[in-house]
Amino acid sequence: MTDKLRQFCYAITASESKSFRRAAEILQVRQSSISRGIRNLEDELGVSLFERSHKGVRLTDAGDEVLQRLRPALEQIEVARKTATEFGTAKIGTVRVGISTSVPNIIFHEIVKYYADKHPLIEIDFCSGRRQDHITAIREHRIDIAIVLGDGQVRDCETKELWRERINVILPERHPLTASQNISWSELVYETIVVSNCAIGWELYEYIVNHKEIDARLQKIVPRSVVIEALLSLVSWGQGLAIISEGWKAIEVPGIVSRPLKGKPNSVPFSIVWSPRNDNPALRRFIGVAQKFVGSFRCELSCSRSKNEVRGARQHAFARP
């Protein structure tokens, strides 16, 4: 508290208690500090605020007028102070989260749900987009954090892998490869692979083809301007095969079959990305929740497990205060 605000506080407390001694007891300071602070305030204003007597103090007409105007201002300062404290301790605020279309993973769902339950006054603002767009927005502080496909370092940002998902091949139900329980990359070399060029679909494809340890190079890639749901319908119509992460298996499309890939790569990572220069307290709490999940699960859970398993693990992860 500044000296000026302290003097104002002394004056208001003294006017309400009608005694410098009682004001000192209420504020837990020395009586001499109250007397000196009010005297300095009166000297600066050029007017007496109190009439002093052996019975105590009372406001002068000038003092009454000054404090009537001062009280609302001090009340607003106190409201502002409490608001700033709540922001600083992440009791209120906003965390802006970028996602690549929808992120179909129970772990992410549980992270968000737990955070929202623990911080009901913090707004979670979601926006969808491509990985690179999110990273640019993070650097410019237009969003706080993003959930993206991929891992590794990002310039000017911090990253943390949250989970991995198996790569699956989606085939028409009458395709010869459905006879296999697992499909190798070499079996896909000359197959027509339809790829969504909408956000996460294309990012998945780029992650796969740029993987340094990929077992075989795909020869026939056909991009389509459709979302993942529509891409699966194309597969059911015999337009080609699709490669997706495991989370999308939950979408029900008749006439298709899913098979896991064997070989390298056979999984894709999903990570959080944020700026180390972002001091939003709500962001720090969100990162803390996400990292606690990672530490508890060690990225072993995937969305192929049941919701009950994940929720049970969540309860175990947060059992300790």
Protein backbone atom coordinates (compact mmCIF):
# COMPACT_ATOMS: atom_id res chain seq x y z
CA MET A 1 0.00 0.00 0.00
CA THR A 2 1.38 3.46 -0.87
CA ASP A 3 1.81 6.16 1.80
CA LYS A 4 -1.09 8.14 0.37
CA LEU A 5 -3.49 5.19 0.43
CA ARG A 6 -2.31 4.35 3.93
CA GLN A 7 -3.11 7.90 5.09
CA PHE A 8 -6.57 7.69 3.53
CA CYS A 9 -7.15 4.37 5.27
CA TYR A 10 -6.05 5.87 8.61
CA ALA A 11 -8.47 8.78 8.19
CA ILE A 12 -11.47 6.61 7.29
CA THR A 13 -10.84 4.15 10.12
CA ALA A 14 -10.38 6.99 12.63
CA SER A 15 -13.61 8.64 11.48
CA GLU A 16 -15.54 5.38 11.94
CA SER A 17 -14.02 4.52 15.33
CA LYS A 18 -13.90 8.18 16.52
CA SER A 19 -10.53 7.50 18.08
CA PHE A 20 -6.94 7.40 16.88
CA ARG A 21 -6.23 4.77 19.56
CA ARG A 22 -9.03 2.46 18.41
CA ALA A 23 -8.06 3.03 14.78
CA ALA A 24 -4.52 1.91 15.62
CA GLU A 25 -5.87 -1.22 17.31
CA ILE A 26 -8.09 -2.05 14.33
CA LEU A 27 -5.28 -1.55 11.82
CA GLN A 28 -2.67 -3.11 14.13
CA VAL A 29 -0.26 -0.19 13.93
CA ARG A 30 1.08 2.27 16.47
CA GLN A 31 -1.15 5.14 17.51
CA SER A 32 1.67 7.54 16.67
CA SER A 33 1.61 6.24 13.06
CA ILE A 34 -2.11 7.05 12.82
CA SER A 35 -1.67 10.51 14.31
CA ARG A 36 1.38 11.35 12.18
CA GLY A 37 -0.16 9.98 8.96
CA ILE A 38 -3.38 11.99 9.37
CA ARG A 39 -1.44 15.13 10.32
CA ASN A 40 0.70 14.80 7.16
CA LEU A 41 -2.47 14.36 5.09
CA GLU A 42 -4.03 17.47 6.63
CA ASP A 43 -0.86 19.46 5.97
CA GLU A 44 -0.85 18.40 2.33
CA LEU A 45 -4.54 19.19 1.86
CA GLY A 46 -4.25 22.47 3.76
CA VAL A 47 -7.32 21.77 5.92
CA SER A 48 -8.06 20.05 9.22
CA LEU A 49 -10.00 16.80 8.83
CA PHE A 50 -10.53 16.11 12.56
CA GLU A 51 -11.27 17.99 15.75
CA ARG A 52 -9.20 16.45 18.53
CA SER A 53 -10.22 16.29 22.19
CA HIS A 54 -9.58 14.14 25.25
CA LYS A 55 -12.79 12.25 24.38
CA GLY A 56 -11.54 11.28 20.95
CA VAL A 57 -11.86 12.78 17.47
CA ARG A 58 -14.67 13.83 15.17
CA LEU A 59 -14.72 15.00 11.59
CA THR A 60 -14.75 18.66 10.71
CA ASP A 61 -17.16 19.79 8.01
CA ALA A 62 -14.29 19.73 5.53
CA GLY A 63 -13.22 16.30 6.74
CA ASP A 64 -16.73 14.92 6.38
CA GLU A 65 -16.96 16.22 2.80
CA VAL A 66 -13.53 14.88 1.85
CA LEU A 67 -14.12 11.39 3.26
CA GLN A 68 -17.57 11.11 1.69
CA ARG A 69 -15.92 11.57 -1.70
CA LEU A 70 -12.97 9.37 -0.75
CA ARG A 71 -14.83 6.26 0.43
CA PRO A 72 -16.23 5.16 -2.98
CA ALA A 73 -12.80 5.59 -4.55
CA LEU A 74 -11.14 3.45 -1.88
CA GLU A 75 -13.86 0.82 -2.22
CA GLN A 76 -13.15 0.61 -5.95
CA ILE A 77 -9.41 0.35 -5.24
CA GLU A 78 -10.11 -2.56 -2.88
CA VAL A 79 -12.27 -4.27 -5.51
CA ALA A 80 -9.48 -3.79 -8.05
CA ARG A 81 -6.93 -5.19 -5.58
CA LYS A 82 -9.04 -8.30 -4.93
CA THR A 83 -9.61 -8.78 -8.65
CA ALA A 84 -5.89 -8.56 -9.34
CA THR A 85 -5.23 -11.09 -6.56
CA GLU A 86 -7.81 -13.48 -8.01
CA PHE A 87 -6.20 -13.20 -11.44
CA GLY A 88 -2.78 -13.73 -9.94
CA THR A 89 -3.88 -16.86 -8.10
CA ALA A 90 -5.84 -18.14 -11.14
CA LYS A 91 -9.20 -17.93 -9.37
CA ILE A 92 -10.62 -16.01 -12.32
CA GLY A 93 -9.42 -15.37 -15.85
CA THR A 94 -9.34 -16.97 -19.28
CA VAL A 95 -7.16 -19.65 -20.86
CA ARG A 96 -7.30 -19.75 -24.67
CA VAL A 97 -6.72 -23.23 -26.08
CA GLY A 98 -6.04 -24.00 -29.73
CA ILE A 99 -7.02 -27.41 -31.06
CA SER A 100 -6.69 -29.05 -34.47
CA THR A 101 -10.33 -29.48 -35.43
CA SER A 102 -11.69 -31.73 -32.68
CA VAL A 103 -9.19 -33.74 -30.65
CA PRO A 104 -10.86 -37.14 -30.18
CA ASN A 105 -9.15 -38.29 -27.02
CA ILE A 106 -10.56 -39.11 -23.62
CA ILE A 107 -7.39 -37.98 -21.82
CA PHE A 108 -7.70 -34.46 -23.22
CA HIS A 109 -11.41 -34.49 -22.37
CA GLU A 110 -10.61 -35.44 -18.79
CA ILE A 111 -7.89 -32.78 -18.46
CA VAL A 112 -10.32 -30.08 -19.56
CA LYS A 113 -13.11 -31.43 -17.37
CA TYR A 114 -10.91 -31.59 -14.28
CA TYR A 115 -9.56 -28.08 -14.89
CA ALA A 116 -13.07 -26.67 -15.38
CA ASP A 117 -14.31 -28.38 -12.21
CA LYS A 118 -11.44 -27.02 -10.12
CA HIS A 119 -11.53 -23.51 -11.64
CA PRO A 120 -15.19 -22.76 -12.40
CA LEU A 121 -14.60 -19.02 -12.75
CA ILE A 122 -11.90 -19.43 -15.39
CA GLU A 123 -13.23 -19.40 -18.92
CA ILE A 124 -11.74 -21.94 -21.34
CA ASP A 125 -11.88 -20.44 -24.81
CA PHE A 126 -11.30 -22.94 -27.64
CA CYS A 127 -10.39 -22.20 -31.22
CA SER A 128 -9.67 -24.67 -34.01
CA GLY A 129 -6.99 -24.39 -36.66
CA ARG A 130 -3.81 -25.83 -38.10
CA ARG A 131 -0.70 -26.56 -36.07
CA GLN A 132 1.40 -23.77 -37.61
CA ASP A 133 -1.40 -21.23 -37.22
CA HIS A 134 -1.66 -22.11 -33.54
CA ILE A 135 2.09 -21.82 -33.02
CA THR A 136 2.08 -18.37 -34.64
CA ALA A 137 -0.83 -17.33 -32.42
CA ILE A 138 1.03 -18.58 -29.33
CA ARG A 139 4.10 -16.52 -30.20
CA GLU A 140 1.89 -13.46 -30.65
CA HIS A 141 -0.01 -14.23 -27.41
CA ARG A 142 -3.34 -14.45 -29.23
CA ILE A 143 -3.84 -17.88 -27.67
CA ASP A 144 -2.21 -19.35 -24.57
CA ILE A 145 -1.69 -23.00 -25.42
CA ALA A 146 -2.41 -25.48 -28.20
CA ILE A 147 -2.93 -29.22 -28.45
CA VAL A 148 -1.16 -30.30 -31.63
CA LEU A 149 -0.15 -33.44 -33.45
CA GLY A 150 3.58 -34.04 -33.28
CA ASP A 151 6.42 -33.66 -30.84
CA GLY A 152 9.89 -32.16 -30.82
CA GLN A 153 11.10 -28.64 -30.23
CA VAL A 154 9.24 -25.57 -31.44
CA ARG A 155 11.19 -22.32 -31.77
CA ASP A 156 10.41 -19.81 -29.00
CA CYS A 157 7.99 -22.27 -27.37
CA GLU A 158 7.85 -24.99 -24.75
CA THR A 159 6.38 -28.40 -25.61
CA LYS A 160 5.25 -31.44 -23.68
CA GLU A 161 4.00 -34.71 -25.15
CA LEU A 162 0.69 -35.70 -23.56
CA TRP A 163 -0.24 -38.97 -25.21
CA ARG A 164 0.26 -41.22 -28.21
CA GLU A 165 -2.31 -42.84 -30.47
CA ARG A 166 -1.92 -45.90 -32.63
CA ILE A 167 -2.06 -45.39 -36.39
CA ASN A 168 -4.90 -47.29 -38.01
CA VAL A 169 -5.76 -48.10 -41.61
CA ILE A 170 -9.40 -47.73 -42.60
CA LEU A 171 -10.48 -50.09 -45.40
CA PRO A 172 -13.71 -50.94 -47.20
CA GLU A 173 -15.14 -54.01 -45.49
CA ARG A 174 -14.61 -56.16 -48.61
CA HIS A 175 -10.98 -55.17 -49.16
CA PRO A 176 -8.55 -58.15 -49.25
CA LEU A 177 -6.37 -56.64 -46.51
CA THR A 178 -9.20 -56.96 -43.99
CA ALA A 179 -8.18 -60.61 -43.69
CA SER A 180 -5.09 -59.45 -41.74
CA GLN A 181 -5.25 -58.43 -38.12
CA ASN A 182 -2.35 -55.99 -38.63
CA ILE A 183 -1.24 -54.23 -41.80
CA SER A 184 2.34 -53.35 -42.67
CA TRP A 185 3.48 -50.23 -44.50
CA SER A 186 4.81 -52.34 -47.36
CA GLU A 187 1.28 -53.62 -48.02
CA LEU A 188 0.10 -50.05 -48.57
CA VAL A 189 2.78 -48.91 -51.01
CA TYR A 190 0.62 -49.18 -54.13
CA GLU A 191 -2.77 -48.66 -52.51
CA THR A 192 -4.74 -45.45 -53.12
CA ILE A 193 -4.64 -43.49 -49.86
CA VAL A 194 -7.19 -40.70 -49.50
CA VAL A 195 -6.05 -37.91 -47.18
CA SER A 196 -8.05 -35.06 -45.70
CA ASN A 197 -6.29 -31.76 -46.37
CA CYS A 198 -8.26 -30.19 -43.54
CA ALA A 199 -6.06 -29.46 -40.53
CA ILE A 200 -5.30 -32.62 -38.55
CA GLY A 201 -5.79 -35.02 -41.49
CA TRP A 202 -3.00 -33.44 -43.53
CA GLU A 203 -0.83 -32.95 -40.44
CA LEU A 204 -1.08 -36.68 -39.75
CA TYR A 205 -0.04 -37.45 -43.31
CA GLU A 206 2.93 -35.06 -43.14
CA TYR A 207 4.06 -36.56 -39.84
CA ILE A 208 3.99 -40.04 -41.37
CA VAL A 209 5.72 -39.27 -44.67
CA ASN A 210 8.40 -37.17 -42.98
CA HIS A 211 9.13 -39.81 -40.36
CA LYS A 212 12.79 -40.73 -40.73
CA GLU A 213 12.19 -44.39 -39.87
CA ILE A 214 9.15 -45.06 -42.04
CA ASP A 215 9.28 -48.64 -43.34
CA ALA A 216 7.90 -47.92 -46.82
CA ARG A 217 6.99 -44.91 -48.91
CA LEU A 218 3.41 -44.54 -50.08
CA GLN A 219 3.13 -44.08 -53.84
CA LYS A 220 -0.44 -42.94 -54.42
CA ILE A 221 -1.76 -40.16 -52.18
CA VAL A 222 -5.04 -38.46 -53.10
CA PRO A 223 -5.86 -35.31 -51.10
CA ARG A 224 -9.53 -34.53 -50.54
CA SER A 225 -11.06 -31.30 -49.22
CA VAL A 226 -13.21 -33.05 -46.63
CA VAL A 227 -13.22 -33.44 -42.86
CA ILE A 228 -12.25 -36.76 -41.29
CA GLU A 229 -15.86 -37.93 -40.98
CA ALA A 230 -16.46 -37.46 -44.69
CA LEU A 231 -13.12 -39.08 -45.49
CA LEU A 232 -14.28 -42.28 -43.83
CA SER A 233 -17.39 -42.23 -46.00
CA LEU A 234 -15.16 -42.02 -49.09
CA VAL A 235 -13.45 -45.19 -47.92
CA SER A 236 -16.80 -46.94 -47.54
CA TRP A 237 -17.63 -45.93 -51.13
CA GLY A 238 -14.46 -47.59 -52.43
CA GLN A 239 -12.52 -44.39 -53.14
CA GLY A 240 -9.37 -45.63 -51.41
CA LEU A 241 -7.95 -46.39 -47.96
CA ALA A 242 -7.42 -43.89 -45.14
CA ILE A 243 -4.79 -43.62 -42.44
CA ILE A 244 -6.02 -42.12 -39.19
CA SER A 245 -5.07 -41.91 -35.53
CA GLU A 246 -6.85 -44.25 -33.18
CA GLY A 247 -9.13 -41.64 -31.68
CA TRP A 248 -11.14 -41.34 -34.86
CA LYS A 249 -12.17 -45.00 -34.68
CA ALA A 250 -15.07 -43.93 -32.50
CA ILE A 251 -16.80 -42.43 -35.56
CA GLU A 252 -19.31 -44.95 -36.80
CA VAL A 253 -19.48 -45.24 -40.59
CA PRO A 254 -21.05 -48.35 -42.14
CA GLY A 255 -19.04 -50.41 -44.59
CA ILE A 256 -15.54 -49.81 -43.21
CA VAL A 257 -13.05 -51.84 -41.18
CA SER A 258 -10.15 -50.61 -39.02
CA ARG A 259 -6.80 -52.37 -38.73
CA PRO A 260 -3.73 -51.23 -36.72
CA LEU A 261 -0.47 -50.59 -38.55
CA LYS A 262 2.66 -52.52 -37.72
CA GLY A 263 6.17 -51.31 -38.37
CA LYS A 264 7.49 -47.76 -38.08
CA PRO A 265 5.85 -45.44 -37.37
CA ASN A 266 2.89 -47.11 -35.69
CA SER A 267 1.81 -44.27 -33.41
CA VAL A 268 1.57 -40.48 -33.45
CA PRO A 269 2.19 -38.11 -30.52
CA PHE A 270 -0.05 -35.28 -29.36
CA SER A 271 1.59 -32.44 -27.44
CA ILE A 272 0.86 -29.16 -25.73
CA VAL A 273 2.72 -26.06 -26.94
CA TRP A 274 2.95 -22.74 -25.09
CA SER A 275 5.16 -19.66 -24.83
CA PRO A 276 7.53 -19.47 -21.84
CA ARG A 277 7.00 -15.68 -21.93
CA ASN A 278 3.27 -16.00 -21.32
CA ASP A 279 2.66 -15.20 -17.63
CA ASN A 280 -1.09 -15.87 -17.63
CA PRO A 281 -1.69 -17.60 -14.24
CA ALA A 282 -4.67 -19.51 -15.70
CA LEU A 283 -2.31 -20.95 -18.33
CA ARG A 284 0.17 -22.07 -15.67
CA ARG A 285 -2.59 -23.93 -13.83
CA PHE A 286 -3.70 -25.58 -17.08
CA ILE A 287 -0.15 -26.73 -17.83
CA GLY A 288 0.15 -28.05 -14.27
CA VAL A 289 -3.02 -30.13 -14.64
CA ALA A 290 -1.89 -31.50 -18.02
CA GLN A 291 1.59 -32.38 -16.75
CA LYS A 292 0.16 -34.09 -13.68
CA PHE A 293 -1.83 -36.32 -15.99
CA VAL A 294 1.31 -37.08 -17.98
CA GLY A 295 3.27 -37.87 -14.83
CA SER A 296 0.55 -40.16 -13.53
CA PHE A 297 -0.28 -41.97 -16.74
CA ARG A 298 3.18 -41.81 -18.40
CA CYS A 299 1.36 -41.50 -21.70
CA GLU A 300 0.26 -45.14 -21.49
CA LEU A 301 -3.43 -44.44 -21.80
CA SER A 302 -4.97 -44.13 -25.25
CA CYS A 303 -8.54 -43.44 -26.23
CA SER A 304 -8.99 -47.13 -27.05
CA ARG A 305 -9.49 -47.70 -23.33
CA SER A 306 -12.88 -47.28 -21.80
CA LYS A 307 -14.03 -44.05 -20.22
CA ASN A 308 -14.35 -45.81 -16.87
CA GLU A 309 -10.67 -46.85 -16.97
CA VAL A 310 -9.55 -43.30 -17.71
CA ARG A 311 -11.80 -41.77 -15.09
CA GLY A 312 -10.56 -44.29 -12.54
CA ALA A 313 -6.99 -43.35 -13.39
CA ARG A 314 -7.89 -39.68 -13.13
CA GLN A 315 -9.26 -40.19 -9.63
CA HIS A 316 -6.02 -41.98 -8.68
CA ALA A 317 -3.90 -39.24 -10.24
CA PHE A 318 -5.61 -36.50 -8.26
CA ALA A 319 -6.19 -38.40 -5.04
CA ARG A 320 -3.38 -36.54 -3.31
CA PRO A 321 -3.99 -32.88 -2.42
